[in-house]
Amino acid sequence: MKAIICTAILLFLTVTASGEVMTETIPYMHGDVELEGYVAWDNSDSNSRPGVLVVHEWTGINDYTKARCRQLAEQGYIAFAADIYGKGIRPDNASEASKQAGIYRSDRQLMRDRVNTGLDRLRKFKLCDNNRIAAIGYCFGGGTVLELARSGSDISGVVSFHGNLDTPDPSVAENIKCEVLVCHGAADPYVPMDQVSAFFDEMNGAGVDFQFIAYGSAVHSFTNPNSGSDPSSGVAYNPDADRRSWKHMQMFFDELFE
């Protein structure tokens, strides 16, 4: 039953009314490291439109990441999934995923450089309105887009879905130029209340325009149907929190791009 539900949701994300959503795998470089991103856009419209950078979970770019890009394209954005890990590095188990994520979580400058490289690639797409760009991320990716904001990136806003909130040096929040939305599972055991409290202090101390929405009973990875259905494990899909957080993101974008 779980597999059927997951498949149905992914199909929902990929079917479009116009049938004009185009996708492409995009190679690009960070120094001498080869990366491989994924872009989706609606080809029925030749006008420029806001760009959304999408940053993957700790398992790297996968079908879920691509489905979210296509969903954003259906809504009128050009969506580019940045590759933080590198071409071909797509962990298929928790141990390997933890190892890869740890490389960047222990080196926040590398994380910021890698995600900014993805942002630079998004800006090069001819349909992307470079005055209207946001970034979203899931779990590892949520923490990554917060580091993108802390890097001082000149974008409109970032959205973290069940992402890590910690940072080694909270004072760098003074660099944040954009608005911030955090969509958080109120029962997430991997992002405890002391981390939430420290994040509030960080954002308030730097005068950041931020919003923080916590979804009751939601645990870690609540937007991903492949997370299972057992909240007691600390990781589980929550359809209500998924639906509500996506709507909150849409409202946030409406304000950013009006």
C-alpha atoms as a PDB file:
ATOM      1  CA  MET A   1       0.000   0.000   0.000  1.00  0.00           C
ATOM      2  CA  LYS A   2       2.855   2.422   0.851  1.00  0.00           C
ATOM      3  CA  ALA A   3       4.397   1.942  -2.605  1.00  0.00           C
ATOM      4  CA  ILE A   4       1.042   2.556  -4.282  1.00  0.00           C
ATOM      5  CA  ILE A   5       0.489   5.763  -2.317  1.00  0.00           C
ATOM      6  CA  CYS A   6       4.011   7.036  -3.096  1.00  0.00           C
ATOM      7  CA  THR A   7       3.610   6.289  -6.795  1.00  0.00           C
ATOM      8  CA  ALA A   8       0.250   8.019  -6.914  1.00  0.00           C
ATOM      9  CA  ILE A   9       1.628  11.141  -5.280  1.00  0.00           C
ATOM     10  CA  LEU A  10       4.591  11.310  -7.630  1.00  0.00           C
ATOM     11  CA  LEU A  11       2.294  10.898 -10.614  1.00  0.00           C
ATOM     12  CA  PHE A  12       0.191  13.752  -9.293  1.00  0.00           C
ATOM     13  CA  LEU A  13       3.275  15.921  -9.125  1.00  0.00           C
ATOM     14  CA  THR A  14       4.344  15.182 -12.708  1.00  0.00           C
ATOM     15  CA  VAL A  15       1.100  15.392 -14.702  1.00  0.00           C
ATOM     16  CA  THR A  16       0.411  18.878 -16.067  1.00  0.00           C
ATOM     17  CA  ALA A  17      -2.626  20.514 -17.578  1.00  0.00           C
ATOM     18  CA  SER A  18      -0.738  21.994 -20.503  1.00  0.00           C
ATOM     19  CA  GLY A  19       1.631  19.104 -21.078  1.00  0.00           C
ATOM     20  CA  GLU A  20       4.370  21.673 -21.720  1.00  0.00           C
ATOM     21  CA  VAL A  21       6.707  21.105 -18.768  1.00  0.00           C
ATOM     22  CA  MET A  22      10.176  20.406 -20.090  1.00  0.00           C
ATOM     23  CA  THR A  23      13.074  18.900 -18.145  1.00  0.00           C
ATOM     24  CA  GLU A  24      16.788  18.545 -18.721  1.00  0.00           C
ATOM     25  CA  THR A  25      19.804  17.188 -16.885  1.00  0.00           C
ATOM     26  CA  ILE A  26      22.401  19.957 -16.653  1.00  0.00           C
ATOM     27  CA  PRO A  27      26.142  19.385 -16.161  1.00  0.00           C
ATOM     28  CA  TYR A  28      28.079  22.207 -14.514  1.00  0.00           C
ATOM     29  CA  MET A  29      31.284  22.653 -12.542  1.00  0.00           C
ATOM     30  CA  HIS A  30      32.455  23.858  -9.154  1.00  0.00           C
ATOM     31  CA  GLY A  31      36.183  24.268  -9.627  1.00  0.00           C
ATOM     32  CA  ASP A  32      37.331  20.874 -10.880  1.00  0.00           C
ATOM     33  CA  VAL A  33      34.312  19.030  -9.425  1.00  0.00           C
ATOM     34  CA  GLU A  34      31.701  17.929 -11.939  1.00  0.00           C
ATOM     35  CA  LEU A  35      28.108  18.433 -10.836  1.00  0.00           C
ATOM     36  CA  GLU A  36      24.839  17.341 -12.427  1.00  0.00           C
ATOM     37  CA  GLY A  37      21.679  19.348 -11.808  1.00  0.00           C
ATOM     38  CA  TYR A  38      18.140  19.096 -13.118  1.00  0.00           C
ATOM     39  CA  VAL A  39      15.961  21.865 -14.533  1.00  0.00           C
ATOM     40  CA  ALA A  40      12.216  22.031 -15.203  1.00  0.00           C
ATOM     41  CA  TRP A  41      10.224  24.786 -16.901  1.00  0.00           C
ATOM     42  CA  ASP A  42       6.954  25.377 -18.749  1.00  0.00           C
ATOM     43  CA  ASN A  43       7.831  25.719 -22.422  1.00  0.00           C
ATOM     44  CA  SER A  44       4.403  27.091 -23.402  1.00  0.00           C
ATOM     45  CA  ASP A  45       5.404  30.530 -22.094  1.00  0.00           C
ATOM     46  CA  SER A  46       8.341  32.436 -23.562  1.00  0.00           C
ATOM     47  CA  ASN A  47       8.314  35.152 -20.908  1.00  0.00           C
ATOM     48  CA  SER A  48      10.866  35.332 -18.128  1.00  0.00           C
ATOM     49  CA  ARG A  49       9.692  34.078 -14.751  1.00  0.00           C
ATOM     50  CA  PRO A  50      10.954  33.737 -11.174  1.00  0.00           C
ATOM     51  CA  GLY A  51      13.610  31.113 -10.562  1.00  0.00           C
ATOM     52  CA  VAL A  52      13.575  28.628  -7.707  1.00  0.00           C
ATOM     53  CA  LEU A  53      16.701  26.781  -6.633  1.00  0.00           C
ATOM     54  CA  VAL A  54      15.850  23.386  -5.137  1.00  0.00           C
ATOM     55  CA  VAL A  55      18.295  21.638  -2.796  1.00  0.00           C
ATOM     56  CA  HIS A  56      17.976  17.916  -2.229  1.00  0.00           C
ATOM     57  CA  GLU A  57      17.765  15.797   0.918  1.00  0.00           C
ATOM     58  CA  TRP A  58      20.802  13.913   2.216  1.00  0.00           C
ATOM     59  CA  THR A  59      20.309  11.227  -0.448  1.00  0.00           C
ATOM     60  CA  GLY A  60      21.146  13.660  -3.251  1.00  0.00           C
ATOM     61  CA  ILE A  61      19.089  14.481  -6.350  1.00  0.00           C
ATOM     62  CA  ASN A  62      16.510  11.742  -6.851  1.00  0.00           C
ATOM     63  CA  ASP A  63      12.984  11.201  -8.188  1.00  0.00           C
ATOM     64  CA  TYR A  64      11.479  13.138  -5.292  1.00  0.00           C
ATOM     65  CA  THR A  65      13.695  16.172  -5.951  1.00  0.00           C
ATOM     66  CA  LYS A  66      12.841  16.071  -9.646  1.00  0.00           C
ATOM     67  CA  ALA A  67       9.115  15.765  -8.937  1.00  0.00           C
ATOM     68  CA  ARG A  68       9.251  18.908  -6.808  1.00  0.00           C
ATOM     69  CA  CYS A  69      11.017  20.746  -9.644  1.00  0.00           C
ATOM     70  CA  ARG A  70       8.300  19.714 -12.070  1.00  0.00           C
ATOM     71  CA  GLN A  71       5.614  20.804  -9.621  1.00  0.00           C
ATOM     72  CA  LEU A  72       7.239  24.245  -9.375  1.00  0.00           C
ATOM     73  CA  ALA A  73       7.457  24.441 -13.176  1.00  0.00           C
ATOM     74  CA  GLU A  74       3.723  23.745 -13.399  1.00  0.00           C
ATOM     75  CA  GLN A  75       3.172  26.748 -11.157  1.00  0.00           C
ATOM     76  CA  GLY A  76       5.085  29.065 -13.445  1.00  0.00           C
ATOM     77  CA  TYR A  77       8.633  28.979 -12.081  1.00  0.00           C
ATOM     78  CA  ILE A  78      11.882  27.835 -13.601  1.00  0.00           C
ATOM     79  CA  ALA A  79      13.129  25.278 -11.091  1.00  0.00           C
ATOM     80  CA  PHE A  80      16.710  24.080 -10.895  1.00  0.00           C
ATOM     81  CA  ALA A  81      17.837  21.286  -8.587  1.00  0.00           C
ATOM     82  CA  ALA A  82      21.379  22.035  -7.458  1.00  0.00           C
ATOM     83  CA  ASP A  83      23.767  19.119  -7.031  1.00  0.00           C
ATOM     84  CA  ILE A  84      25.663  19.593  -3.771  1.00  0.00           C
ATOM     85  CA  TYR A  85      27.438  16.217  -3.736  1.00  0.00           C
ATOM     86  CA  GLY A  86      28.758  15.839  -7.279  1.00  0.00           C
ATOM     87  CA  LYS A  87      27.899  13.822 -10.372  1.00  0.00           C
ATOM     88  CA  GLY A  88      27.079  10.206  -9.615  1.00  0.00           C
ATOM     89  CA  ILE A  89      27.113  10.625  -5.830  1.00  0.00           C
ATOM     90  CA  ARG A  90      23.609   9.504  -4.909  1.00  0.00           C
ATOM     91  CA  PRO A  91      23.648   7.635  -1.569  1.00  0.00           C
ATOM     92  CA  ASP A  92      21.281   4.671  -1.397  1.00  0.00           C
ATOM     93  CA  ASN A  93      21.446   4.017   2.360  1.00  0.00           C
ATOM     94  CA  ALA A  94      21.436   6.045   5.572  1.00  0.00           C
ATOM     95  CA  SER A  95      25.082   5.350   6.389  1.00  0.00           C
ATOM     96  CA  GLU A  96      26.363   6.660   3.077  1.00  0.00           C
ATOM     97  CA  ALA A  97      23.920   9.574   3.113  1.00  0.00           C
ATOM     98  CA  SER A  98      25.105  10.578   6.582  1.00  0.00           C
ATOM     99  CA  LYS A  99      28.715  10.419   5.420  1.00  0.00           C
ATOM    100  CA  GLN A 100      28.075  12.651   2.416  1.00  0.00           C
ATOM    101  CA  ALA A 101      25.952  15.152   4.314  1.00  0.00           C
ATOM    102  CA  GLY A 102      28.585  15.273   7.042  1.00  0.00           C
ATOM    103  CA  ILE A 103      31.221  16.515   4.608  1.00  0.00           C
ATOM    104  CA  TYR A 104      29.249  19.712   4.064  1.00  0.00           C
ATOM    105  CA  ARG A 105      27.776  20.093   7.524  1.00  0.00           C
ATOM    106  CA  SER A 106      31.319  20.040   8.941  1.00  0.00           C
ATOM    107  CA  ASP A 107      32.530  22.544   6.323  1.00  0.00           C
ATOM    108  CA  ARG A 108      29.917  25.257   6.026  1.00  0.00           C
ATOM    109  CA  GLN A 109      32.043  27.351   3.692  1.00  0.00           C
ATOM    110  CA  LEU A 110      32.172  24.469   1.227  1.00  0.00           C
ATOM    111  CA  MET A 111      28.410  24.043   1.595  1.00  0.00           C
ATOM    112  CA  ARG A 112      27.857  27.738   0.885  1.00  0.00           C
ATOM    113  CA  ASP A 113      30.235  27.730  -2.069  1.00  0.00           C
ATOM    114  CA  ARG A 114      28.597  24.648  -3.583  1.00  0.00           C
ATOM    115  CA  VAL A 115      25.034  25.955  -3.251  1.00  0.00           C
ATOM    116  CA  ASN A 116      26.051  29.371  -4.594  1.00  0.00           C
ATOM    117  CA  THR A 117      27.518  27.595  -7.619  1.00  0.00           C
ATOM    118  CA  GLY A 118      24.062  26.103  -8.215  1.00  0.00           C
ATOM    119  CA  LEU A 119      22.504  29.532  -7.830  1.00  0.00           C
ATOM    120  CA  ASP A 120      24.907  30.950 -10.407  1.00  0.00           C
ATOM    121  CA  ARG A 121      23.854  28.209 -12.827  1.00  0.00           C
ATOM    122  CA  LEU A 122      20.176  28.995 -12.275  1.00  0.00           C
ATOM    123  CA  ARG A 123      20.813  32.638 -13.123  1.00  0.00           C
ATOM    124  CA  LYS A 124      22.177  31.614 -16.535  1.00  0.00           C
ATOM    125  CA  PHE A 125      18.908  30.123 -17.775  1.00  0.00           C
ATOM    126  CA  LYS A 126      17.493  32.565 -20.322  1.00  0.00           C
ATOM    127  CA  LEU A 127      13.951  32.409 -18.897  1.00  0.00           C
ATOM    128  CA  CYS A 128      15.057  33.144 -15.334  1.00  0.00           C
ATOM    129  CA  ASP A 129      14.239  36.610 -13.983  1.00  0.00           C
ATOM    130  CA  ASN A 130      17.354  37.270 -11.931  1.00  0.00           C
ATOM    131  CA  ASN A 131      15.549  39.915  -9.887  1.00  0.00           C
ATOM    132  CA  ARG A 132      13.102  37.274  -8.634  1.00  0.00           C
ATOM    133  CA  ILE A 133      14.863  34.220  -7.240  1.00  0.00           C
ATOM    134  CA  ALA A 134      14.182  32.048  -4.216  1.00  0.00           C
ATOM    135  CA  ALA A 135      15.659  28.819  -2.896  1.00  0.00           C
ATOM    136  CA  ILE A 136      13.975  25.885  -1.161  1.00  0.00           C
ATOM    137  CA  GLY A 137      15.451  22.799   0.450  1.00  0.00           C
ATOM    138  CA  TYR A 138      14.441  19.610   2.200  1.00  0.00           C
ATOM    139  CA  CYS A 139      16.140  18.183   5.336  1.00  0.00           C
ATOM    140  CA  PHE A 140      19.852  18.514   4.472  1.00  0.00           C
ATOM    141  CA  GLY A 141      18.757  20.886   1.725  1.00  0.00           C
ATOM    142  CA  GLY A 142      16.756  22.984   4.164  1.00  0.00           C
ATOM    143  CA  GLY A 143      19.861  23.582   6.232  1.00  0.00           C
ATOM    144  CA  THR A 144      21.767  24.287   3.029  1.00  0.00           C
ATOM    145  CA  VAL A 145      19.435  27.054   1.823  1.00  0.00           C
ATOM    146  CA  LEU A 146      19.675  28.654   5.261  1.00  0.00           C
ATOM    147  CA  GLU A 147      23.449  28.673   4.799  1.00  0.00           C
ATOM    148  CA  LEU A 148      22.869  30.206   1.355  1.00  0.00           C
ATOM    149  CA  ALA A 149      21.019  33.020   3.092  1.00  0.00           C
ATOM    150  CA  ARG A 150      23.761  33.340   5.719  1.00  0.00           C
ATOM    151  CA  SER A 151      26.317  33.663   2.918  1.00  0.00           C
ATOM    152  CA  GLY A 152      24.739  37.016   2.037  1.00  0.00           C
ATOM    153  CA  SER A 153      23.344  35.825  -1.272  1.00  0.00           C
ATOM    154  CA  ASP A 154      21.349  38.487  -3.086  1.00  0.00           C
ATOM    155  CA  ILE A 155      18.088  36.588  -3.566  1.00  0.00           C
ATOM    156  CA  SER A 156      14.501  37.258  -2.540  1.00  0.00           C
ATOM    157  CA  GLY A 157      13.966  34.476  -0.032  1.00  0.00           C
ATOM    158  CA  VAL A 158      14.634  30.929   1.166  1.00  0.00           C
ATOM    159  CA  VAL A 159      12.327  28.187   2.416  1.00  0.00           C
ATOM    160  CA  SER A 160      13.519  25.339   4.625  1.00  0.00           C
ATOM    161  CA  PHE A 161      11.335  22.241   4.889  1.00  0.00           C
ATOM    162  CA  HIS A 162      12.219  20.144   7.970  1.00  0.00           C
ATOM    163  CA  GLY A 163      15.812  21.339   7.717  1.00  0.00           C
ATOM    164  CA  ASN A 164      18.569  21.655  10.298  1.00  0.00           C
ATOM    165  CA  LEU A 165      18.625  25.115  11.850  1.00  0.00           C
ATOM    166  CA  ASP A 166      22.059  25.148  13.489  1.00  0.00           C
ATOM    167  CA  THR A 167      25.113  26.984  12.265  1.00  0.00           C
ATOM    168  CA  PRO A 168      28.658  27.127  13.703  1.00  0.00           C
ATOM    169  CA  ASP A 169      28.725  30.926  13.865  1.00  0.00           C
ATOM    170  CA  PRO A 170      25.319  32.561  14.442  1.00  0.00           C
ATOM    171  CA  SER A 171      26.842  36.018  14.000  1.00  0.00           C
ATOM    172  CA  VAL A 172      26.965  35.486  10.220  1.00  0.00           C
ATOM    173  CA  ALA A 173      23.180  35.939  10.197  1.00  0.00           C
ATOM    174  CA  GLU A 174      24.029  39.629   9.929  1.00  0.00           C
ATOM    175  CA  ASN A 175      24.838  38.860   6.273  1.00  0.00           C
ATOM    176  CA  ILE A 176      21.280  37.764   5.485  1.00  0.00           C
ATOM    177  CA  LYS A 177      19.628  40.033   2.899  1.00  0.00           C
ATOM    178  CA  CYS A 178      16.582  37.934   2.044  1.00  0.00           C
ATOM    179  CA  GLU A 179      13.393  36.825   3.757  1.00  0.00           C
ATOM    180  CA  VAL A 180      13.310  33.420   5.441  1.00  0.00           C
ATOM    181  CA  LEU A 181      10.527  30.866   5.884  1.00  0.00           C
ATOM    182  CA  VAL A 182      11.031  27.743   7.998  1.00  0.00           C
ATOM    183  CA  CYS A 183       8.470  24.930   7.777  1.00  0.00           C
ATOM    184  CA  HIS A 184       9.167  22.726  10.773  1.00  0.00           C
ATOM    185  CA  GLY A 185       7.807  19.528  12.256  1.00  0.00           C
ATOM    186  CA  ALA A 186       6.797  20.372  15.820  1.00  0.00           C
ATOM    187  CA  ALA A 187       7.658  16.819  16.917  1.00  0.00           C
ATOM    188  CA  ASP A 188      10.929  16.531  14.957  1.00  0.00           C
ATOM    189  CA  PRO A 189      13.419  14.731  17.240  1.00  0.00           C
ATOM    190  CA  TYR A 190      16.347  15.636  14.981  1.00  0.00           C
ATOM    191  CA  VAL A 191      15.782  19.379  15.363  1.00  0.00           C
ATOM    192  CA  PRO A 192      15.121  19.751  19.109  1.00  0.00           C
ATOM    193  CA  MET A 193      13.730  22.799  20.863  1.00  0.00           C
ATOM    194  CA  ASP A 194      17.152  24.081  21.943  1.00  0.00           C
ATOM    195  CA  GLN A 195      18.101  24.294  18.251  1.00  0.00           C
ATOM    196  CA  VAL A 196      14.816  26.082  17.495  1.00  0.00           C
ATOM    197  CA  SER A 197      15.383  28.520  20.360  1.00  0.00           C
ATOM    198  CA  ALA A 198      18.942  29.235  19.201  1.00  0.00           C
ATOM    199  CA  PHE A 199      17.651  29.863  15.678  1.00  0.00           C
ATOM    200  CA  PHE A 200      15.091  32.353  16.988  1.00  0.00           C
ATOM    201  CA  ASP A 201      17.832  34.171  18.888  1.00  0.00           C
ATOM    202  CA  GLU A 202      20.027  34.175  15.788  1.00  0.00           C
ATOM    203  CA  MET A 203      17.332  35.570  13.489  1.00  0.00           C
ATOM    204  CA  ASN A 204      16.007  38.124  15.976  1.00  0.00           C
ATOM    205  CA  GLY A 205      19.518  39.228  16.903  1.00  0.00           C
ATOM    206  CA  ALA A 206      20.302  39.954  13.252  1.00  0.00           C
ATOM    207  CA  GLY A 207      16.958  41.610  12.529  1.00  0.00           C
ATOM    208  CA  VAL A 208      16.077  39.065   9.840  1.00  0.00           C
ATOM    209  CA  ASP A 209      12.588  39.114   8.314  1.00  0.00           C
ATOM    210  CA  PHE A 210      11.699  35.507   9.074  1.00  0.00           C
ATOM    211  CA  GLN A 211       8.661  33.301   9.534  1.00  0.00           C
ATOM    212  CA  PHE A 212       8.632  30.030  11.439  1.00  0.00           C
ATOM    213  CA  ILE A 213       5.696  27.628  11.115  1.00  0.00           C
ATOM    214  CA  ALA A 214       5.548  24.435  13.154  1.00  0.00           C
ATOM    215  CA  TYR A 215       3.147  21.657  12.210  1.00  0.00           C
ATOM    216  CA  GLY A 216       1.685  19.719  15.119  1.00  0.00           C
ATOM    217  CA  SER A 217       2.586  16.006  15.359  1.00  0.00           C
ATOM    218  CA  ALA A 218       4.842  16.247  12.286  1.00  0.00           C
ATOM    219  CA  VAL A 219       8.283  14.655  12.624  1.00  0.00           C
ATOM    220  CA  HIS A 220      11.334  14.764  10.395  1.00  0.00           C
ATOM    221  CA  SER A 221      10.972  14.514   6.589  1.00  0.00           C
ATOM    222  CA  PHE A 222       7.221  15.120   6.751  1.00  0.00           C
ATOM    223  CA  THR A 223       6.941  16.201   3.088  1.00  0.00           C
ATOM    224  CA  ASN A 224       8.330  13.023   1.520  1.00  0.00           C
ATOM    225  CA  PRO A 225       5.932  10.095   0.911  1.00  0.00           C
ATOM    226  CA  ASN A 226       8.912   7.729   0.961  1.00  0.00           C
ATOM    227  CA  SER A 227       9.533   8.550   4.641  1.00  0.00           C
ATOM    228  CA  GLY A 228       7.054   5.933   5.834  1.00  0.00           C
ATOM    229  CA  SER A 229       4.084   6.273   8.148  1.00  0.00           C
ATOM    230  CA  ASP A 230       5.479   5.597  11.616  1.00  0.00           C
ATOM    231  CA  PRO A 231       6.039   8.866  13.508  1.00  0.00           C
ATOM    232  CA  SER A 232       7.545   6.941  16.433  1.00  0.00           C
ATOM    233  CA  SER A 233      10.618   6.327  14.244  1.00  0.00           C
ATOM    234  CA  GLY A 234      11.231  10.089  14.119  1.00  0.00           C
ATOM    235  CA  VAL A 235      10.866  10.127  10.318  1.00  0.00           C
ATOM    236  CA  ALA A 236       7.439   9.913   8.664  1.00  0.00           C
ATOM    237  CA  TYR A 237       5.310  11.412   5.927  1.00  0.00           C
ATOM    238  CA  ASN A 238       2.538  13.701   7.133  1.00  0.00           C
ATOM    239  CA  PRO A 239       0.128  14.552   4.291  1.00  0.00           C
ATOM    240  CA  ASP A 240      -1.508  17.441   6.150  1.00  0.00           C
ATOM    241  CA  ALA A 241       1.831  19.069   7.004  1.00  0.00           C
ATOM    242  CA  ASP A 242       3.030  18.452   3.445  1.00  0.00           C
ATOM    243  CA  ARG A 243      -0.040  20.120   1.942  1.00  0.00           C
ATOM    244  CA  ARG A 244      -0.029  23.023   4.384  1.00  0.00           C
ATOM    245  CA  SER A 245       3.690  23.729   4.087  1.00  0.00           C
ATOM    246  CA  TRP A 246       3.476  23.829   0.285  1.00  0.00           C
ATOM    247  CA  LYS A 247       0.634  26.354   0.546  1.00  0.00           C
ATOM    248  CA  HIS A 248       2.640  28.407   3.002  1.00  0.00           C
ATOM    249  CA  MET A 249       5.533  28.400   0.543  1.00  0.00           C
ATOM    250  CA  GLN A 250       3.190  29.583  -2.220  1.00  0.00           C
ATOM    251  CA  MET A 251       1.937  32.447  -0.052  1.00  0.00           C
ATOM    252  CA  PHE A 252       5.537  33.358   0.769  1.00  0.00           C
ATOM    253  CA  PHE A 253       6.424  33.415  -2.938  1.00  0.00           C
ATOM    254  CA  ASP A 254       3.377  35.532  -3.713  1.00  0.00           C
ATOM    255  CA  GLU A 255       4.689  38.154  -1.310  1.00  0.00           C
ATOM    256  CA  LEU A 256       8.261  37.931  -2.586  1.00  0.00           C
ATOM    257  CA  PHE A 257       7.404  38.162  -6.263  1.00  0.00           C
ATOM    258  CA  GLU A 258       4.365  40.469  -6.298  1.00  0.00           C
END
